[in-house]
Amino acid sequence: MKLFVTRKIPFWEEVSKPLLDAGYEITVYPNNRRIERGELVAELEKGYEGLLCLLTEKIDEELLLHAGNLKIVANYAVGFDNIDVPACQRKNIMVTNTPSDKVNESVAEHAWALMLALTRRIVEAHEFMRNAAYEGWEPEIFVGQDMVDKTLGIVGMGRIGSMVAKRAEGWGMKVVSAGKEGSLEDLLKQSDYVSLHVPLTAETKHLINAKNLPLFKKTAFLINTARGPVVDEVEVVEALRAGIIAGYGTDVYENEPHPNPEMLGLPNVVMTPHIASATVAARRDMGEIAVRNLVEGLVGRVPPNLVR
């Protein structure tokens, strides 16, 4: 059987061993860049049974027309909104993802990194130093906030949200969540930090929007390590400019890979390039899980991380 990998993933030589031992014919896209749509179509027309892809590849019904032999799509990501799962299911193509405690821990830590960067104005201070503007200690430069005794609102108290909440204990913070404990509106009104940890669905698109942004405290920070379209970026920019919220820290973007250009010049925005899961342990674990899914799926067994 033949397998196509859309990009060489970290630790590939190490994690791909089970596939090599099983005798699969593996083709890895040779270029160190995102594969173009036309290139992926041309590869799939070669009759691969397995596909290991990244979240940058859109696997939709039109693409599947060129993949007549495909049995499994193994997404190298926890999320799978880049894949039309119902279209795959209609063609009896299995879809898998890579949930992992190591990935969850990494994302939770990154949410905290964004919170800390905003709270203590780390990025602003870093640029200040790089520009050789520091001339000696001053009592009023880059005055930030304290985190102790503040309220952290978790929107999406799943695996990652719970890990973010657990870390708040060490900071002496109060944690609230939307759902059984109360509504999203209540959470926004009382939180000093709002951290988003929900999947992207029709219900969660633009969950944070023009209607509920005015409910935030003017001193509150919004953190997004979920998916970009969970927030309406245009409205968040307007809220930042108007002083409706104090800051925005994000690892994901509504039109990824392009952030809203209006955010680029705002000092109270901290942006990272979708790297929340980018740790050695998490990347290795993701690769091992993706390969395990392929091995099981290609022999006709139910993969451990089948998306249903």
Protein backbone atom coordinates (compact mmCIF):
# COMPACT_ATOMS: atom_id res chain seq x y z
CA MET A 1 0.00 0.00 0.00
CA LYS A 2 1.05 3.56 -0.71
CA LEU A 3 1.09 6.52 1.65
CA PHE A 4 1.59 10.22 0.93
CA VAL A 5 2.86 12.71 3.51
CA THR A 6 2.19 16.35 2.64
CA ARG A 7 5.23 17.63 4.51
CA LYS A 8 8.09 16.14 6.49
CA ILE A 9 7.06 16.42 10.13
CA PRO A 10 9.39 16.77 13.13
CA PHE A 11 11.13 13.54 14.16
CA TRP A 12 9.93 11.85 10.97
CA GLU A 13 12.83 9.39 10.76
CA GLU A 14 12.04 8.29 14.30
CA VAL A 15 8.24 8.20 14.28
CA SER A 16 7.84 6.69 10.79
CA LYS A 17 9.58 3.43 11.72
CA PRO A 18 6.32 1.44 12.24
CA LEU A 19 5.24 2.36 8.71
CA LEU A 20 8.59 1.37 7.24
CA ASP A 21 8.60 -1.87 9.20
CA ALA A 22 5.15 -2.66 7.79
CA GLY A 23 6.53 -2.29 4.29
CA TYR A 24 4.45 0.66 3.11
CA GLU A 25 5.57 2.65 0.11
CA ILE A 26 5.92 6.16 1.51
CA THR A 27 6.24 9.38 -0.46
CA VAL A 28 7.04 12.55 1.46
CA TYR A 29 6.53 15.90 -0.25
CA PRO A 30 10.13 17.01 -0.82
CA ASN A 31 9.79 20.78 -0.49
CA ASN A 32 10.02 22.58 2.83
CA ARG A 33 6.87 24.60 2.24
CA ARG A 34 3.13 24.19 2.14
CA ILE A 35 2.05 21.91 -0.70
CA GLU A 36 0.00 23.67 -3.37
CA ARG A 37 -3.51 22.46 -4.06
CA GLY A 38 -2.65 21.38 -7.61
CA GLU A 39 0.36 19.44 -6.39
CA LEU A 40 -1.75 17.58 -3.84
CA VAL A 41 -4.35 16.73 -6.48
CA ALA A 42 -1.63 15.35 -8.75
CA GLU A 43 -0.24 13.19 -5.95
CA LEU A 44 -3.61 11.79 -4.89
CA GLU A 45 -4.33 10.78 -8.46
CA LYS A 46 -1.44 8.32 -8.11
CA GLY A 47 -3.69 6.10 -6.01
CA TYR A 48 -2.48 6.47 -2.44
CA GLU A 49 -4.39 4.54 0.22
CA GLY A 50 -3.18 6.69 3.11
CA LEU A 51 -2.68 10.44 3.54
CA LEU A 52 -0.87 12.18 6.37
CA CYS A 53 -1.72 15.87 6.14
CA LEU A 54 -1.35 19.09 8.09
CA LEU A 55 -4.03 21.56 9.10
CA THR A 56 -2.84 23.79 6.25
CA GLU A 57 -4.28 21.36 3.70
CA LYS A 58 -7.96 21.63 2.87
CA ILE A 59 -9.37 18.14 2.41
CA ASP A 60 -12.77 18.68 0.84
CA GLU A 61 -15.21 16.88 -1.42
CA GLU A 62 -13.65 18.24 -4.61
CA LEU A 63 -10.21 17.00 -3.59
CA LEU A 64 -11.58 13.57 -2.75
CA LEU A 65 -12.72 13.18 -6.37
CA HIS A 66 -9.04 12.70 -7.17
CA ALA A 67 -8.43 10.17 -4.38
CA GLY A 68 -10.26 7.06 -5.47
CA ASN A 69 -8.11 4.65 -3.47
CA LEU A 70 -7.90 6.67 -0.27
CA LYS A 71 -8.80 4.77 2.90
CA ILE A 72 -7.61 7.07 5.67
CA VAL A 73 -6.71 10.73 6.23
CA ALA A 74 -4.49 11.18 9.27
CA ASN A 75 -4.48 14.82 10.32
CA TYR A 76 -1.33 15.97 12.09
CA ALA A 77 -3.32 18.18 14.45
CA VAL A 78 -5.85 18.02 17.24
CA GLY A 79 -8.35 20.10 15.32
CA PHE A 80 -9.78 18.92 12.02
CA ASP A 81 -11.75 21.86 10.65
CA ASN A 82 -9.53 21.67 7.55
CA ILE A 83 -11.22 18.37 6.66
CA ASP A 84 -14.74 17.82 5.38
CA VAL A 85 -15.40 14.86 7.65
CA PRO A 86 -18.92 14.10 6.33
CA ALA A 87 -17.57 14.03 2.76
CA CYS A 88 -14.89 11.56 3.84
CA GLN A 89 -17.42 9.42 5.66
CA ARG A 90 -19.63 9.27 2.58
CA LYS A 91 -16.69 7.75 0.74
CA ASN A 92 -15.82 5.41 3.65
CA ILE A 93 -12.57 7.28 4.26
CA MET A 94 -11.49 7.32 7.90
CA VAL A 95 -10.37 10.62 9.44
CA THR A 96 -8.10 10.74 12.48
CA ASN A 97 -6.51 13.45 14.61
CA THR A 98 -3.76 13.64 17.22
CA PRO A 99 -5.15 14.49 20.67
CA SER A 100 -2.50 14.18 23.34
CA ASP A 101 -1.93 15.24 26.92
CA LYS A 102 1.46 16.58 25.86
CA VAL A 103 -0.20 18.73 23.20
CA ASN A 104 -2.83 19.90 25.66
CA GLU A 105 -0.16 20.84 28.20
CA SER A 106 1.78 22.76 25.56
CA VAL A 107 -1.27 24.73 24.44
CA ALA A 108 -2.24 25.48 28.04
CA GLU A 109 1.26 26.77 28.73
CA HIS A 110 1.12 28.96 25.64
CA ALA A 111 -2.16 30.49 26.75
CA TRP A 112 -0.40 31.44 29.96
CA ALA A 113 2.57 32.82 28.01
CA LEU A 114 0.22 35.15 26.14
CA MET A 115 -1.46 36.19 29.38
CA LEU A 116 1.87 36.99 31.00
CA ALA A 117 3.17 38.84 27.94
CA LEU A 118 0.13 41.12 27.94
CA THR A 119 -0.05 41.56 31.70
CA ARG A 120 3.58 42.62 32.07
CA ARG A 121 3.92 44.25 28.63
CA ILE A 122 6.82 41.97 27.75
CA VAL A 123 6.72 42.51 23.98
CA GLU A 124 6.60 46.29 24.30
CA ALA A 125 9.50 46.25 26.74
CA HIS A 126 11.49 43.88 24.53
CA GLU A 127 11.14 46.20 21.52
CA PHE A 128 12.08 49.14 23.75
CA MET A 129 15.34 47.41 24.62
CA ARG A 130 16.04 46.35 21.03
CA ASN A 131 15.65 49.97 19.96
CA ALA A 132 18.29 50.99 22.52
CA ALA A 133 15.80 53.32 24.19
CA TYR A 134 16.62 52.31 27.76
CA GLU A 135 18.54 55.06 29.57
CA GLY A 136 18.10 53.93 33.16
CA TRP A 137 15.47 52.86 35.64
CA GLU A 138 12.22 54.81 35.56
CA PRO A 139 9.25 54.33 37.89
CA GLU A 140 6.55 54.72 35.25
CA ILE A 141 7.69 52.81 32.15
CA PHE A 142 5.78 49.68 31.14
CA VAL A 143 3.71 49.50 34.29
CA GLY A 144 1.62 46.35 34.04
CA GLN A 145 -0.97 44.51 36.09
CA ASP A 146 -0.90 41.95 38.89
CA MET A 147 -2.46 38.52 38.36
CA VAL A 148 -3.01 37.53 41.97
CA ASP A 149 -6.64 37.78 43.12
CA LYS A 150 -7.83 38.31 39.53
CA THR A 151 -10.57 36.28 37.83
CA LEU A 152 -9.78 33.99 34.91
CA GLY A 153 -12.72 33.07 32.69
CA ILE A 154 -12.35 29.80 30.77
CA VAL A 155 -14.57 29.45 27.72
CA GLY A 156 -14.45 25.74 26.97
CA MET A 157 -13.56 23.74 30.08
CA GLY A 158 -12.31 20.70 28.18
CA ARG A 159 -8.88 19.12 28.43
CA ILE A 160 -6.92 22.26 27.57
CA GLY A 161 -9.23 24.63 29.39
CA SER A 162 -8.97 22.51 32.53
CA MET A 163 -5.17 22.59 32.34
CA VAL A 164 -5.21 26.37 32.01
CA ALA A 165 -7.53 26.56 35.01
CA LYS A 166 -5.31 24.27 37.09
CA ARG A 167 -2.34 26.57 36.59
CA ALA A 168 -4.38 29.50 37.88
CA GLU A 169 -4.28 27.97 41.36
CA GLY A 170 -0.60 28.79 41.64
CA TRP A 171 -1.26 32.41 40.76
CA GLY A 172 -3.93 32.82 43.40
CA MET A 173 -6.64 33.47 40.84
CA LYS A 174 -10.35 32.74 40.85
CA VAL A 175 -11.53 30.62 37.92
CA VAL A 176 -14.99 30.79 36.34
CA SER A 177 -16.33 28.99 33.28
CA ALA A 178 -19.30 29.25 30.97
CA GLY A 179 -21.78 26.38 30.92
CA LYS A 180 -23.16 24.76 34.02
CA GLU A 181 -21.74 27.48 36.25
CA GLY A 182 -23.25 30.33 34.27
CA SER A 183 -23.65 32.02 30.94
CA LEU A 184 -20.97 33.42 28.67
CA GLU A 185 -22.32 36.89 29.38
CA ASP A 186 -21.84 36.43 33.13
CA LEU A 187 -18.31 35.17 32.57
CA LEU A 188 -17.35 38.15 30.41
CA LYS A 189 -18.68 40.64 32.94
CA GLN A 190 -16.65 39.30 35.86
CA SER A 191 -13.40 38.11 34.23
CA ASP A 192 -10.09 39.93 34.16
CA TYR A 193 -8.82 37.38 31.64
CA VAL A 194 -10.93 35.46 29.11
CA SER A 195 -9.22 32.42 27.60
CA LEU A 196 -10.87 30.64 24.66
CA HIS A 197 -10.66 26.85 24.35
CA VAL A 198 -13.57 25.79 22.15
CA PRO A 199 -13.54 23.99 18.78
CA LEU A 200 -14.60 25.89 15.69
CA THR A 201 -18.19 25.04 14.84
CA ALA A 202 -21.12 26.91 13.37
CA GLU A 203 -22.13 27.78 16.94
CA THR A 204 -18.70 29.05 18.03
CA LYS A 205 -17.82 31.11 14.95
CA HIS A 206 -17.57 34.74 16.09
CA LEU A 207 -18.42 33.67 19.62
CA ILE A 208 -16.70 36.89 20.67
CA ASN A 209 -18.36 39.66 18.71
CA ALA A 210 -19.65 43.22 18.66
CA LYS A 211 -22.63 42.29 20.79
CA ASN A 212 -20.72 40.85 23.75
CA LEU A 213 -17.40 42.72 23.63
CA PRO A 214 -18.93 45.66 25.55
CA LEU A 215 -19.59 43.24 28.42
CA PHE A 216 -15.84 42.89 29.08
CA LYS A 217 -14.15 44.87 31.79
CA LYS A 218 -12.13 47.69 30.25
CA THR A 219 -9.08 46.21 32.01
CA ALA A 220 -9.67 42.67 30.71
CA PHE A 221 -7.44 40.68 28.37
CA LEU A 222 -8.73 38.25 25.73
CA ILE A 223 -6.65 35.15 24.90
CA ASN A 224 -7.22 32.91 21.88
CA THR A 225 -5.40 29.61 21.42
CA ALA A 226 -8.48 27.90 19.98
CA ARG A 227 -9.26 28.84 16.37
CA GLY A 228 -9.10 32.25 14.74
CA PRO A 229 -12.73 32.56 13.61
CA VAL A 230 -13.95 32.04 17.18
CA VAL A 231 -13.46 35.80 17.46
CA ASP A 232 -14.56 38.51 15.06
CA GLU A 233 -11.16 40.10 14.48
CA VAL A 234 -12.59 43.29 12.99
CA GLU A 235 -14.68 43.89 16.10
CA VAL A 236 -11.81 42.99 18.43
CA VAL A 237 -9.64 45.60 16.72
CA GLU A 238 -12.36 48.20 17.20
CA ALA A 239 -12.73 47.20 20.85
CA LEU A 240 -8.99 47.55 21.41
CA ARG A 241 -8.89 50.97 19.80
CA ALA A 242 -11.91 52.16 21.76
CA GLY A 243 -10.53 50.93 25.08
CA ILE A 244 -13.36 48.43 25.50
CA ILE A 245 -10.81 45.72 26.30
CA ALA A 246 -7.23 46.12 27.46
CA GLY A 247 -5.47 43.65 25.21
CA TYR A 248 -5.62 40.64 22.91
CA GLY A 249 -3.21 37.71 22.82
CA THR A 250 -3.64 35.24 19.99
CA ASP A 251 -1.94 32.30 18.34
CA VAL A 252 -4.61 31.83 15.65
CA TYR A 253 -6.22 34.02 13.01
CA GLU A 254 -9.55 34.40 11.28
CA ASN A 255 -7.95 34.32 7.82
CA GLU A 256 -4.86 32.29 8.67
CA PRO A 257 -2.04 32.70 7.93
CA HIS A 258 -2.90 36.41 7.63
CA PRO A 259 -3.74 38.36 10.78
CA ASN A 260 -6.01 41.34 10.48
CA PRO A 261 -3.54 44.02 9.27
CA GLU A 262 -5.07 46.52 11.69
CA MET A 263 -3.74 44.44 14.60
CA LEU A 264 -0.13 44.77 13.52
CA GLY A 265 0.29 48.31 14.79
CA LEU A 266 -1.52 47.92 18.10
CA PRO A 267 0.81 47.78 21.13
CA ASN A 268 -1.75 45.89 23.22
CA VAL A 269 -1.84 42.91 20.87
CA VAL A 270 0.54 39.95 21.23
CA MET A 271 0.60 37.57 18.26
CA THR A 272 2.35 34.25 17.68
CA PRO A 273 2.32 32.13 14.48
CA HIS A 274 0.13 29.16 15.55
CA ILE A 275 2.86 27.67 17.73
CA ALA A 276 0.92 26.78 20.88
CA SER A 277 1.67 23.07 20.42
CA ALA A 278 5.24 23.66 19.23
CA THR A 279 7.26 21.87 21.88
CA VAL A 280 9.60 18.93 21.40
CA ALA A 281 7.46 16.57 23.45
CA ALA A 282 4.21 17.60 21.79
CA ARG A 283 5.53 17.41 18.23
CA ARG A 284 7.02 13.96 18.79
CA ASP A 285 3.79 12.75 20.36
CA MET A 286 1.71 14.11 17.48
CA GLY A 287 3.88 12.26 14.98
CA GLU A 288 3.68 9.00 16.88
CA ILE A 289 -0.10 9.26 17.19
CA ALA A 290 -0.58 10.10 13.50
CA VAL A 291 1.54 7.12 12.48
CA ARG A 292 -0.29 4.82 14.89
CA ASN A 293 -3.59 5.93 13.38
CA LEU A 294 -2.30 5.15 9.89
CA VAL A 295 -0.94 1.74 10.85
CA GLU A 296 -4.23 0.68 12.41
CA GLY A 297 -6.44 2.17 9.72
CA LEU A 298 -4.53 0.76 6.76
CA VAL A 299 -4.90 -2.81 8.04
CA GLY A 300 -8.63 -2.38 8.51
CA ARG A 301 -8.75 -1.82 12.25
CA VAL A 302 -10.41 1.14 13.94
CA PRO A 303 -7.70 3.76 14.58
CA PRO A 304 -7.36 4.91 18.20
CA ASN A 305 -8.22 8.52 17.29
CA LEU A 306 -10.98 8.09 14.74
CA VAL A 307 -13.02 11.26 14.22
CA ARG A 308 -16.69 10.31 14.30
